[in-house]
Amino acid sequence: MKLWDKGISIDKKIEQFTVGNDREIDLHIAKYDVQASLAHAKMLAHIGLLTKQEFVQLEQELTKIAQQIEEGSFVIEPQFEDVHSKIEFELIKTLGDIGKKIHTARSRNDQVLVALHLFYKDHLKDIRIKTKIFFETLLSLADSHQNTLLPGYTHLQVAMPSSFGLWFSAYAEVLIDDVYLLDAAIKTVDQNPLGSAAGYGSSFPIDREFTTKELNFSTLKFNVVAAQMSRGKSERTLTMALGSLCNTMARFAMDICLYNSQNFGFISFPDQLTTGSSIMPHKKNPDVFELIRGKCNKIQALYSEMVLITNNLPSGYHRDFQLLKENSIAAIEDVKDLLDIFNYAIQQIIVKEIDLKDDKYKHLFTVDSINNLVVEGLSFREAYQIIGKQVQDDAYKPDASKQHTHTGSLGNLCLEDIRAKFPR
């Protein structure tokens, strides 16, 4: 069954190509198509295009379909083009002519669009919640390790003393920037496109404010052409937000892989979280973080894909938009999994004590030494030259009694200020 079927047969090869894997993808949005169909039917009854009894019957059948979706027994068979045709078929099979009325004053275009908006909004909010959980985990680790020394690096060269507290809380605070973008994406999709039909509205006296309230949208897309133009813009916005969050996780995962290596040796993980080698029995590989890094980098590429698919399309609907669904939905599901596994694994991190007697750290405290001389009355430039000459002559030795002055000052990480900064 096809919603656009006029009794004209279509070439099977063309049908297979144009439908693609929509049946599988649409299972993700089936729940939301039912929600939108229910709101639409209620609106049709509100304006008199359905009787009260007709609405009650449609409501009962849509509720049954929603239960099937929830239970996992809902199936879109090969004879159906998508979830929308499947649901309408079930309504017609049970209710006859009443089921045929459900499509009044809407098009498959706004039907798909509203289901996607609902899916995106719901799952982006779920990602926001998971990001907050990850954020709190990092602040907890920062609090536990705020005075634990971690050598700071610039240009991958030993630079200055830092702390694990700074490291953990840095990534926590950067997550806040990602949430700003998530909130922008949520706001972008929190606009009701239902009632825009094929992109040029409906001649029926529909009440779009009614469905906006029923579906709990903050507002609606007032201009019906703009509603259709949101297809593509929504995906560009949400993949940019997901990409930003994935950028943070990928960089963090890279730090972990680096710090876990024997050449750094700053951290480790329980054996149960690592994998081995088929020929090297000593290997304990951080595969989970390497996969996080790789998957996050893959998701970051999606924004470019969305731009390239939609960049030069004129206004109105185009079948190109069908290609946006699969990877956008997959990315959302992947990001939820990535946040869960990262939060699970990072809580089991083992922070090691740094051996400052290691020769590679002999210049770690040069900045502290310069600052100490400045406190004693020298100008900064003179102090810099003195310590610089000691380094050049291989005569530099940090003042053991003062070498932790800098790291001690890192104890005040303003963790509560960072926590308060997280958007409500």
Protein backbone atom coordinates (compact mmCIF):
# COMPACT_ATOMS: atom_id res chain seq x y z
CA MET A 1 0.00 0.00 0.00
CA LYS A 2 1.12 3.52 -0.84
CA LEU A 3 -0.53 6.72 0.33
CA TRP A 4 -0.11 8.12 -3.18
CA ASP A 5 -1.46 5.02 -4.96
CA LYS A 6 -3.92 5.97 -7.73
CA GLY A 7 -4.29 2.45 -9.12
CA ILE A 8 -1.37 2.77 -11.52
CA SER A 9 1.27 0.05 -11.24
CA ILE A 10 4.89 1.06 -10.76
CA ASP A 11 8.00 -0.67 -12.02
CA LYS A 12 9.20 -3.02 -9.25
CA LYS A 13 12.83 -1.97 -9.72
CA ILE A 14 11.91 1.69 -9.37
CA GLU A 15 9.76 0.92 -6.33
CA GLN A 16 12.56 -0.99 -4.60
CA PHE A 17 15.04 1.81 -5.23
CA THR A 18 12.75 4.64 -4.09
CA VAL A 19 11.51 2.88 -0.95
CA GLY A 20 15.03 1.84 0.08
CA ASN A 21 15.15 0.76 3.73
CA ASP A 22 12.43 3.13 4.91
CA ARG A 23 10.49 0.27 6.51
CA GLU A 24 13.33 -0.50 8.92
CA ILE A 25 14.13 3.15 9.62
CA ASP A 26 10.48 4.07 10.17
CA LEU A 27 10.17 1.73 13.14
CA HIS A 28 12.07 4.42 15.04
CA ILE A 29 9.40 7.02 14.30
CA ALA A 30 6.31 4.77 14.37
CA LYS A 31 5.45 5.83 17.92
CA TYR A 32 5.58 9.48 16.92
CA ASP A 33 3.49 9.00 13.77
CA VAL A 34 0.76 7.53 15.99
CA GLN A 35 1.00 10.51 18.36
CA ALA A 36 0.71 12.96 15.47
CA SER A 37 -2.14 10.99 13.85
CA LEU A 38 -4.04 11.04 17.12
CA ALA A 39 -3.58 14.80 17.51
CA HIS A 40 -4.57 15.34 13.88
CA ALA A 41 -7.74 13.24 14.28
CA LYS A 42 -8.66 15.12 17.43
CA MET A 43 -8.22 18.40 15.57
CA LEU A 44 -10.40 17.15 12.68
CA ALA A 45 -13.14 16.36 15.22
CA HIS A 46 -12.63 19.77 16.82
CA ILE A 47 -13.32 21.56 13.51
CA GLY A 48 -16.18 19.24 12.54
CA LEU A 49 -14.56 17.14 9.80
CA LEU A 50 -14.92 14.06 12.01
CA THR A 51 -17.79 13.23 14.33
CA LYS A 52 -17.12 12.63 18.01
CA GLN A 53 -17.87 8.92 17.57
CA GLU A 54 -15.55 8.67 14.58
CA PHE A 55 -12.75 10.22 16.62
CA VAL A 56 -13.37 7.84 19.53
CA GLN A 57 -13.05 4.86 17.19
CA LEU A 58 -9.86 6.22 15.61
CA GLU A 59 -8.45 6.94 19.06
CA GLN A 60 -9.12 3.38 20.19
CA GLU A 61 -7.40 1.85 17.16
CA LEU A 62 -4.43 4.23 17.28
CA THR A 63 -4.01 3.39 20.97
CA LYS A 64 -3.89 -0.32 20.08
CA ILE A 65 -1.23 0.34 17.45
CA ALA A 66 0.76 2.39 19.97
CA GLN A 67 0.66 -0.57 22.37
CA GLN A 68 1.94 -2.90 19.63
CA ILE A 69 4.81 -0.51 18.95
CA GLU A 70 5.62 -0.36 22.66
CA GLU A 71 5.57 -4.15 22.94
CA GLY A 72 7.70 -4.60 19.82
CA SER A 73 5.08 -6.60 17.92
CA PHE A 74 4.41 -3.88 15.32
CA VAL A 75 5.75 -4.92 11.90
CA ILE A 76 5.90 -3.08 8.57
CA GLU A 77 5.52 -5.80 5.94
CA PRO A 78 7.13 -5.57 2.48
CA GLN A 79 3.86 -4.62 0.79
CA PHE A 80 3.86 -1.31 2.66
CA GLU A 81 5.98 1.60 1.54
CA ASP A 82 6.52 3.06 5.01
CA VAL A 83 5.10 3.31 8.51
CA HIS A 84 2.52 5.87 7.45
CA SER A 85 0.91 3.60 4.86
CA LYS A 86 1.01 0.68 7.31
CA ILE A 87 -0.82 2.60 10.04
CA GLU A 88 -3.43 3.93 7.65
CA PHE A 89 -3.98 0.42 6.27
CA GLU A 90 -4.61 -0.92 9.77
CA LEU A 91 -7.13 1.85 10.47
CA ILE A 92 -8.98 1.20 7.20
CA LYS A 93 -8.92 -2.58 7.77
CA THR A 94 -10.60 -2.16 11.14
CA LEU A 95 -12.74 0.94 10.67
CA GLY A 96 -13.44 1.03 6.96
CA ASP A 97 -14.45 4.47 5.67
CA ILE A 98 -13.66 6.09 9.02
CA GLY A 99 -10.04 5.00 8.63
CA LYS A 100 -9.95 6.58 5.18
CA LYS A 101 -10.72 9.98 6.74
CA ILE A 102 -7.50 10.17 8.79
CA HIS A 103 -5.51 11.64 5.91
CA THR A 104 -7.88 14.58 5.47
CA ALA A 105 -6.00 17.92 5.46
CA ARG A 106 -2.52 16.45 5.63
CA SER A 107 0.13 15.14 3.26
CA ARG A 108 2.74 12.46 3.73
CA ASN A 109 5.21 15.37 3.67
CA ASP A 110 4.01 17.00 6.88
CA GLN A 111 3.19 13.57 8.31
CA VAL A 112 6.84 12.52 8.02
CA LEU A 113 8.05 15.93 9.14
CA VAL A 114 6.03 16.09 12.35
CA ALA A 115 7.01 12.52 13.30
CA LEU A 116 10.67 13.37 12.80
CA HIS A 117 10.37 16.60 14.79
CA LEU A 118 8.81 14.69 17.67
CA PHE A 119 11.47 11.97 17.49
CA TYR A 120 14.32 14.48 17.33
CA LYS A 121 12.98 16.57 20.20
CA ASP A 122 12.35 13.58 22.45
CA HIS A 123 15.72 11.93 21.87
CA LEU A 124 17.77 15.14 21.96
CA LYS A 125 16.31 15.76 25.41
CA ASP A 126 17.36 12.22 26.37
CA ILE A 127 20.89 12.97 25.12
CA ARG A 128 20.87 16.16 27.19
CA ILE A 129 20.00 14.15 30.32
CA LYS A 130 22.76 11.63 29.61
CA THR A 131 25.22 14.49 29.03
CA LYS A 132 24.32 15.91 32.45
CA ILE A 133 24.99 12.51 34.06
CA PHE A 134 28.38 12.34 32.32
CA PHE A 135 29.07 15.93 33.41
CA GLU A 136 28.38 15.08 37.06
CA THR A 137 30.63 12.01 36.86
CA LEU A 138 33.51 14.15 35.62
CA LEU A 139 33.00 16.74 38.36
CA SER A 140 32.98 13.96 40.96
CA LEU A 141 36.28 12.63 39.58
CA ALA A 142 37.67 16.17 39.54
CA ASP A 143 36.77 16.59 43.18
CA SER A 144 38.42 13.28 44.12
CA HIS A 145 41.64 14.07 42.22
CA GLN A 146 41.89 17.85 42.39
CA ASN A 147 45.34 17.80 44.03
CA THR A 148 46.73 14.81 42.13
CA LEU A 149 49.62 15.94 39.94
CA LEU A 150 49.29 15.55 36.18
CA PRO A 151 52.08 16.90 33.94
CA GLY A 152 50.71 19.44 31.49
CA TYR A 153 51.80 19.24 27.85
CA THR A 154 51.95 21.75 25.02
CA HIS A 155 53.07 20.66 21.53
CA LEU A 156 53.21 17.17 23.12
CA GLN A 157 56.21 18.42 25.13
CA VAL A 158 56.35 18.46 28.93
CA ALA A 159 55.23 21.96 29.89
CA MET A 160 53.91 22.81 33.37
CA PRO A 161 52.33 21.09 36.37
CA SER A 162 48.62 20.48 36.15
CA SER A 163 46.24 18.20 38.01
CA PHE A 164 43.81 15.42 37.27
CA GLY A 165 41.18 17.65 38.84
CA LEU A 166 41.76 20.27 36.16
CA TRP A 167 41.71 17.61 33.44
CA PHE A 168 38.40 16.06 34.49
CA SER A 169 36.67 19.39 35.19
CA ALA A 170 37.94 20.87 31.91
CA TYR A 171 36.05 18.26 29.92
CA ALA A 172 33.04 18.74 32.22
CA GLU A 173 32.94 22.47 31.49
CA VAL A 174 33.42 21.97 27.75
CA LEU A 175 30.33 19.74 27.83
CA ILE A 176 28.36 22.84 28.81
CA ASP A 177 29.22 24.41 25.45
CA ASP A 178 27.90 21.26 23.78
CA VAL A 179 24.66 21.55 25.74
CA TYR A 180 24.20 25.11 24.46
CA LEU A 181 24.18 23.66 20.94
CA LEU A 182 21.91 20.77 21.97
CA ASP A 183 19.46 23.31 23.37
CA ALA A 184 19.58 25.22 20.08
CA ALA A 185 18.84 22.00 18.18
CA ILE A 186 15.96 21.19 20.53
CA LYS A 187 14.54 24.68 20.03
CA THR A 188 14.86 24.29 16.25
CA VAL A 189 12.82 21.08 16.13
CA ASP A 190 10.36 22.22 18.79
CA GLN A 191 8.16 23.83 16.11
CA ASN A 192 5.03 22.15 14.80
CA PRO A 193 5.03 21.62 11.01
CA LEU A 194 1.73 19.68 10.96
CA GLY A 195 -0.84 21.37 8.76
CA SER A 196 1.67 22.51 6.16
CA ALA A 197 0.52 19.50 4.07
CA ALA A 198 2.65 19.18 0.93
CA GLY A 199 4.27 22.49 1.75
CA TYR A 200 1.53 24.86 0.65
CA GLY A 201 -1.07 24.46 3.34
CA SER A 202 -4.64 23.19 3.22
CA SER A 203 -7.93 24.71 2.10
CA PHE A 204 -9.66 22.99 5.02
CA PRO A 205 -10.32 25.18 8.09
CA ILE A 206 -7.67 23.37 10.17
CA ASP A 207 -6.57 24.59 13.60
CA ARG A 208 -2.78 24.38 13.74
CA GLU A 209 -2.64 25.95 17.19
CA PHE A 210 -4.76 23.03 18.40
CA THR A 211 -2.29 20.36 17.22
CA THR A 212 0.63 22.44 18.50
CA LYS A 213 -0.79 22.25 22.02
CA GLU A 214 -1.80 18.60 21.67
CA LEU A 215 1.73 17.58 20.61
CA ASN A 216 3.39 19.79 23.24
CA PHE A 217 5.34 21.89 20.75
CA SER A 218 6.51 25.26 22.04
CA THR A 219 5.37 26.96 18.85
CA LEU A 220 4.51 26.18 15.24
CA LYS A 221 6.09 26.93 11.91
CA PHE A 222 3.62 29.61 10.86
CA ASN A 223 4.65 29.77 7.22
CA VAL A 224 3.76 26.48 5.53
CA VAL A 225 6.61 26.80 3.01
CA ALA A 226 9.03 27.42 5.88
CA ALA A 227 7.68 24.28 7.55
CA GLN A 228 8.76 22.18 4.58
CA MET A 229 12.07 24.04 4.37
CA SER A 230 12.80 22.90 7.93
CA ARG A 231 13.43 19.46 6.43
CA GLY A 232 17.18 19.46 6.09
CA LYS A 233 17.76 22.49 8.31
CA SER A 234 16.66 20.46 11.32
CA GLU A 235 19.07 17.67 10.40
CA ARG A 236 21.92 20.11 9.79
CA THR A 237 21.31 21.73 13.18
CA LEU A 238 21.06 18.52 15.17
CA THR A 239 24.06 16.86 13.49
CA MET A 240 26.11 19.98 14.22
CA ALA A 241 25.10 19.74 17.89
CA LEU A 242 25.81 16.01 18.02
CA GLY A 243 29.12 16.62 16.26
CA SER A 244 30.15 19.15 18.90
CA LEU A 245 29.37 16.70 21.70
CA CYS A 246 31.23 13.96 19.83
CA ASN A 247 34.22 16.25 19.35
CA THR A 248 34.47 16.59 23.14
CA MET A 249 34.17 12.85 23.68
CA ALA A 250 36.65 12.03 20.90
CA ARG A 251 39.31 14.38 22.31
CA PHE A 252 38.76 13.04 25.80
CA ALA A 253 39.02 9.46 24.51
CA MET A 254 42.27 10.38 22.73
CA ASP A 255 43.70 11.77 25.97
CA ILE A 256 42.76 8.53 27.71
CA CYS A 257 44.40 6.35 25.06
CA LEU A 258 47.53 8.51 25.22
CA TYR A 259 47.74 8.66 29.02
CA ASN A 260 47.06 4.93 29.26
CA SER A 261 50.08 4.07 27.09
CA GLN A 262 53.31 2.95 28.75
CA ASN A 263 55.19 6.01 27.48
CA PHE A 264 52.92 8.23 29.58
CA GLY A 265 51.59 5.83 32.20
CA PHE A 266 49.33 8.35 33.94
CA ILE A 267 46.25 6.12 34.16
CA SER A 268 45.07 2.55 33.75
CA PHE A 269 41.84 0.58 33.82
CA PRO A 270 40.81 -2.78 35.26
CA ASP A 271 41.68 -5.72 33.06
CA GLN A 272 37.97 -6.36 32.50
CA LEU A 273 37.71 -3.11 30.53
CA THR A 274 40.59 -3.88 28.19
CA THR A 275 41.15 -6.36 25.38
CA GLY A 276 44.16 -8.43 24.38
CA SER A 277 46.20 -9.39 21.35
CA SER A 278 46.06 -12.69 19.49
CA ILE A 279 49.88 -12.96 19.46
CA MET A 280 51.13 -10.59 22.23
CA PRO A 281 49.98 -11.89 25.62
CA HIS A 282 51.06 -8.75 27.48
CA LYS A 283 48.67 -6.42 25.62
CA LYS A 284 45.85 -4.62 27.45
CA ASN A 285 44.26 -2.45 24.81
CA PRO A 286 41.86 0.46 25.50
CA ASP A 287 39.57 -0.66 22.66
CA VAL A 288 36.45 0.86 24.21
CA PHE A 289 37.98 4.34 24.07
CA GLU A 290 39.39 3.81 20.59
CA LEU A 291 35.93 2.85 19.37
CA ILE A 292 34.41 5.85 21.14
CA ARG A 293 36.97 8.03 19.36
CA GLY A 294 36.30 6.45 15.96
CA LYS A 295 32.51 6.51 16.24
CA CYS A 296 32.55 10.10 17.47
CA ASN A 297 34.71 11.16 14.53
CA LYS A 298 32.32 9.39 12.16
CA ILE A 299 29.36 11.28 13.63
CA GLN A 300 31.22 14.59 13.30
CA ALA A 301 31.28 14.02 9.52
CA LEU A 302 27.48 13.88 9.33
CA TYR A 303 27.00 17.63 9.33
CA SER A 304 28.91 17.87 6.05
CA GLU A 305 26.76 15.08 4.63
CA MET A 306 23.57 16.94 5.54
CA VAL A 307 24.88 20.15 4.00
CA LEU A 308 25.88 18.42 0.76
CA ILE A 309 22.49 16.70 0.39
CA THR A 310 20.43 19.85 0.95
CA ASN A 311 22.69 22.82 0.23
CA ASN A 312 21.38 23.89 -3.19
CA LEU A 313 17.85 22.50 -3.16
CA PRO A 314 15.11 24.98 -4.07
CA SER A 315 12.14 25.48 -1.76
CA GLY A 316 9.48 22.79 -1.65
CA TYR A 317 9.73 19.06 -1.06
CA HIS A 318 12.29 16.86 -2.83
CA ARG A 319 12.86 13.12 -2.48
CA ASP A 320 16.48 13.87 -1.53
CA PHE A 321 15.14 14.52 1.97
CA GLN A 322 14.46 10.80 2.39
CA LEU A 323 18.24 10.33 2.62
CA LEU A 324 18.46 12.49 5.74
CA LYS A 325 16.52 10.17 8.03
CA GLU A 326 18.71 7.11 8.31
CA ASN A 327 21.98 8.63 9.42
CA SER A 328 20.36 11.30 11.60
CA ILE A 329 18.37 8.70 13.51
CA ALA A 330 21.37 6.35 13.72
CA ALA A 331 23.59 9.16 15.03
CA ILE A 332 21.11 9.99 17.78
CA GLU A 333 20.96 6.35 18.88
CA ASP A 334 24.76 6.04 18.70
CA VAL A 335 25.37 9.18 20.78
CA LYS A 336 23.12 7.85 23.53
CA ASP A 337 25.11 4.61 23.58
CA LEU A 338 28.43 6.49 23.50
CA LEU A 339 27.48 8.63 26.49
CA ASP A 340 26.37 5.56 28.43
CA ILE A 341 29.53 3.53 27.79
CA PHE A 342 31.87 6.49 28.35
CA ASN A 343 30.19 7.30 31.66
CA TYR A 344 30.38 3.63 32.68
CA ALA A 345 34.04 3.18 31.76
CA ILE A 346 35.46 6.47 33.05
CA GLN A 347 34.17 5.77 36.56
CA GLN A 348 36.59 2.83 36.70
CA ILE A 349 39.68 4.86 35.82
CA ILE A 350 42.79 4.21 37.94
CA VAL A 351 44.83 7.38 38.47
CA LYS A 352 48.52 6.68 38.99
CA GLU A 353 51.11 8.59 40.98
CA ILE A 354 53.60 10.38 38.74
CA ASP A 355 57.29 9.64 39.35
CA LEU A 356 58.84 13.11 39.37
CA LYS A 357 62.31 11.57 39.52
CA ASP A 358 61.89 10.54 35.90
CA ASP A 359 64.37 12.58 33.85
CA LYS A 360 61.72 13.77 31.40
CA TYR A 361 60.06 15.79 34.17
CA LYS A 362 63.20 17.61 35.33
CA HIS A 363 62.04 20.89 33.79
CA LEU A 364 58.38 20.58 34.80
CA PHE A 365 58.65 23.27 37.50
CA THR A 366 60.63 25.95 35.63
CA VAL A 367 57.67 28.34 35.61
CA ASP A 368 57.25 27.90 39.37
CA SER A 369 60.95 28.64 39.83
CA ILE A 370 60.62 31.83 37.75
CA ASN A 371 57.56 32.90 39.74
CA ASN A 372 59.36 32.27 43.02
CA LEU A 373 62.19 34.57 41.94
CA VAL A 374 59.67 37.24 40.97
CA VAL A 375 58.05 36.98 44.41
CA GLU A 376 61.52 37.47 45.90
CA GLY A 377 61.84 40.78 44.03
CA LEU A 378 63.33 40.10 40.58
CA SER A 379 61.62 41.28 37.41
CA PHE A 380 59.96 38.57 35.38
CA ARG A 381 62.35 39.04 32.43
CA GLU A 382 65.41 38.75 34.67
CA ALA A 383 64.00 35.68 36.44
CA TYR A 384 63.15 34.09 33.07
CA GLN A 385 66.72 34.60 31.84
CA ILE A 386 68.23 33.14 35.02
CA ILE A 387 66.14 29.97 34.89
CA GLY A 388 66.56 29.75 31.12
CA LYS A 389 70.35 29.77 31.46
CA GLN A 390 70.17 27.06 34.14
CA VAL A 391 68.12 24.91 31.74
CA GLN A 392 70.55 25.56 28.90
CA ASP A 393 73.52 24.69 31.09
CA ASP A 394 71.75 21.59 32.40
CA ALA A 395 72.10 23.05 35.89
CA TYR A 396 68.42 23.59 36.69
CA LYS A 397 67.11 22.01 39.88
CA PRO A 398 63.65 22.86 41.22
CA ASP A 399 63.33 24.05 44.80
CA ALA A 400 61.95 20.92 46.47
CA SER A 401 60.28 22.98 49.18
CA LYS A 402 58.40 25.10 46.64
CA GLN A 403 57.86 22.86 43.65
CA HIS A 404 54.28 22.04 44.65
CA THR A 405 53.28 25.68 45.09
CA HIS A 406 51.70 25.74 41.67
CA THR A 407 49.88 22.43 41.90
CA GLY A 408 48.61 23.32 45.34
CA SER A 409 46.91 26.39 43.89
CA LEU A 410 45.00 24.14 41.49
CA GLY A 411 42.99 22.73 44.36
CA ASN A 412 40.33 25.43 44.04
CA LEU A 413 38.69 24.26 40.83
CA CYS A 414 35.44 26.19 41.33
CA LEU A 415 33.54 22.97 40.83
CA GLU A 416 30.32 24.41 42.22
CA ASP A 417 30.60 27.39 39.87
CA ILE A 418 31.01 24.99 36.94
CA ARG A 419 28.04 22.94 38.16
CA ALA A 420 25.89 26.07 38.48
CA LYS A 421 26.82 27.06 34.93
CA PHE A 422 25.16 23.96 33.42
CA PRO A 423 22.00 25.17 31.62
CA ARG A 424 18.78 24.30 33.41
